Amino acid sequence: MNQPVEKFHSERRAFIIIPNAGLILGEINQPFSHREILTNSGFMQEQINFILENYPRGYFLNNNLVIYQADDRQDSQTWELKKENYSFVKKYYPDLKNIFHITPQTQIFLGVTRGKKGEIWPTINEVSSDFFE
C-alpha cells in the first residue's frame, strides 16, 4: 500500500453493520480493510464474503460518513449501499451519530466509485445529514 493510501486507511474509522447482531468498529489508527477486520474478529471466509456483499459497511473521516456494500472480489465500477439496507443503517444511525459526533455539517455518502488498488476512491451519492433520522 502506498503511503497516502496507508495514511488514509489508518486515519479513517472503519465500521461494519451486521443486521440483528450489531456494529463492528475497526481499531483506531489501524489500516485494516473491512475484510481484515472481519478476519481478525473470527469470521470464516464464507461468512466474510456474505457480509461484504450483503451488509452495510463504511468509514468516518474528516467529518465524512461513507456507507456502501459490495463483493470486493468482483470488478464492479461502484460500491453502493443498496436501498433494501437503508433500514439497517437507520437502526444503527443513532450509534454512528454518537460515536462519530455527526452534525448537520457532516457529509454523508452512500457509495464509492471503485478505483485502482492503492488509490483513494471517490465518494458518490451524497445525502443530507438527517437522511437516516
Protein backbone atom coordinates (compact mmCIF):
# COMPACT_ATOMS: atom_id res chain seq x y z
CA MET A 1 0.00 0.00 0.00
CA ASN A 2 1.43 3.41 -0.89
CA GLN A 3 1.94 6.00 1.84
CA PRO A 4 -1.06 8.32 1.14
CA VAL A 5 -3.44 5.34 0.96
CA GLU A 6 -1.98 3.74 4.09
CA LYS A 7 -2.34 7.10 5.88
CA PHE A 8 -5.97 7.32 4.69
CA HIS A 9 -6.73 3.80 5.96
CA SER A 10 -5.03 4.49 9.29
CA GLU A 11 -6.89 7.77 9.84
CA ARG A 12 -10.35 6.62 8.83
CA ARG A 13 -12.52 4.71 11.29
CA ALA A 14 -13.96 1.67 9.58
CA PHE A 15 -17.24 0.03 10.60
CA ILE A 16 -19.46 -2.86 9.55
CA ILE A 17 -23.15 -3.23 10.33
CA ILE A 18 -24.33 -6.80 10.90
CA PRO A 19 -28.16 -6.68 10.91
CA ASN A 20 -29.77 -8.10 14.04
CA ALA A 21 -26.34 -8.52 15.62
CA GLY A 22 -24.58 -5.18 15.96
CA LEU A 23 -21.92 -2.77 14.84
CA ILE A 24 -18.26 -3.72 14.44
CA LEU A 25 -15.76 -0.85 14.70
CA GLY A 26 -12.23 -1.08 13.40
CA GLU A 27 -9.48 -0.11 15.78
CA ILE A 28 -8.33 3.50 15.83
CA ASN A 29 -5.13 4.15 13.85
CA GLN A 30 -5.13 0.73 12.18
CA PRO A 31 -5.01 0.42 8.37
CA PHE A 32 -7.10 -2.78 8.29
CA SER A 33 -9.53 -3.35 5.44
CA HIS A 34 -13.08 -4.44 6.27
CA ARG A 35 -12.10 -7.97 5.21
CA GLU A 36 -9.16 -7.90 7.64
CA ILE A 37 -11.35 -6.56 10.45
CA LEU A 38 -13.82 -9.42 9.96
CA THR A 39 -10.99 -11.97 9.75
CA ASN A 40 -9.47 -10.59 12.96
CA SER A 41 -12.94 -10.85 14.56
CA GLY A 42 -13.03 -14.58 13.90
CA PHE A 43 -15.38 -14.80 10.93
CA MET A 44 -14.79 -17.55 8.36
CA GLN A 45 -14.09 -16.59 4.71
CA GLU A 46 -17.53 -17.71 3.51
CA GLN A 47 -19.19 -15.56 6.19
CA ILE A 48 -16.94 -12.60 5.34
CA ASN A 49 -17.81 -12.82 1.64
CA PHE A 50 -21.51 -12.86 2.51
CA ILE A 51 -21.22 -9.91 4.92
CA LEU A 52 -19.24 -7.72 2.50
CA GLU A 53 -21.65 -8.39 -0.35
CA ASN A 54 -24.90 -8.05 1.58
CA TYR A 55 -24.42 -5.78 4.58
CA PRO A 56 -23.53 -2.09 5.01
CA ARG A 57 -20.01 -1.07 5.80
CA GLY A 58 -18.04 2.12 5.56
CA TYR A 59 -15.87 4.60 7.36
CA PHE A 60 -15.78 8.01 9.00
CA LEU A 61 -13.03 10.51 8.23
CA ASN A 62 -12.79 14.31 8.23
CA ASN A 63 -16.48 14.72 9.07
CA ASN A 64 -17.48 12.47 6.15
CA LEU A 65 -19.54 9.34 6.71
CA VAL A 66 -19.24 6.91 3.80
CA ILE A 67 -21.50 3.84 3.67
CA TYR A 68 -21.52 1.19 0.96
CA GLN A 69 -21.54 -2.53 0.24
CA ALA A 70 -20.18 -4.79 -2.47
CA ASP A 71 -18.47 -8.07 -3.09
CA ASP A 72 -14.85 -6.94 -3.02
CA ARG A 73 -13.87 -9.95 -5.16
CA GLN A 74 -15.87 -8.58 -8.13
CA ASP A 75 -14.79 -5.81 -10.52
CA SER A 76 -17.87 -3.60 -10.18
CA GLN A 77 -17.46 0.10 -11.02
CA THR A 78 -19.28 1.38 -7.95
CA TRP A 79 -19.86 0.09 -4.47
CA GLU A 80 -23.22 1.50 -3.37
CA LEU A 81 -25.46 0.95 -0.37
CA LYS A 82 -28.49 -0.99 -1.56
CA LYS A 83 -31.86 0.61 -0.77
CA GLU A 84 -33.05 -2.53 1.00
CA ASN A 85 -30.29 -1.94 3.57
CA TYR A 86 -31.25 1.65 4.39
CA SER A 87 -33.38 0.31 7.27
CA PHE A 88 -30.35 -1.43 8.82
CA VAL A 89 -28.32 1.78 8.66
CA LYS A 90 -31.25 3.74 10.10
CA LYS A 91 -31.42 1.32 13.05
CA TYR A 92 -27.72 1.85 13.86
CA TYR A 93 -27.53 5.51 12.83
CA PRO A 94 -28.00 6.82 16.40
CA ASP A 95 -24.94 4.80 17.42
CA LEU A 96 -22.94 6.07 14.43
CA LYS A 97 -24.06 9.61 15.22
CA ASN A 98 -22.89 9.34 18.83
CA ILE A 99 -19.62 7.55 18.07
CA PHE A 100 -18.58 9.89 15.25
CA HIS A 101 -20.23 13.09 16.54
CA ILE A 102 -22.24 13.52 13.34
CA THR A 103 -23.64 17.04 12.92
CA PRO A 104 -25.65 18.82 10.21
CA GLN A 105 -22.28 19.73 8.67
CA THR A 106 -21.29 16.08 8.26
CA GLN A 107 -21.29 14.94 4.65
CA ILE A 108 -22.85 11.51 4.13
CA PHE A 109 -22.20 9.41 1.04
CA LEU A 110 -23.91 6.16 0.08
CA GLY A 111 -21.20 4.76 -2.16
CA VAL A 112 -17.79 4.99 -3.74
CA THR A 113 -16.50 4.74 -7.28
CA ARG A 114 -14.04 1.91 -7.32
CA GLY A 115 -10.58 2.91 -8.45
CA LYS A 116 -7.35 1.06 -8.76
CA LYS A 117 -5.84 -0.75 -5.82
CA GLY A 118 -3.65 1.72 -3.96
CA GLU A 119 -5.85 4.75 -4.76
CA ILE A 120 -8.33 6.62 -2.59
CA TRP A 121 -11.72 6.06 -4.20
CA PRO A 122 -14.09 8.99 -4.83
CA THR A 123 -17.33 9.14 -2.84
CA ILE A 124 -20.76 9.26 -4.56
CA ASN A 125 -24.47 9.61 -3.76
CA GLU A 126 -24.37 12.37 -1.15
CA VAL A 127 -27.40 12.65 1.14
CA SER A 128 -28.29 15.10 3.91
CA SER A 129 -27.17 14.53 7.50
CA ASP A 130 -30.76 13.74 8.53
CA PHE A 131 -31.31 11.11 5.77
CA PHE A 132 -31.38 8.21 8.27
CA GLU A 133 -33.28 10.00 11.05
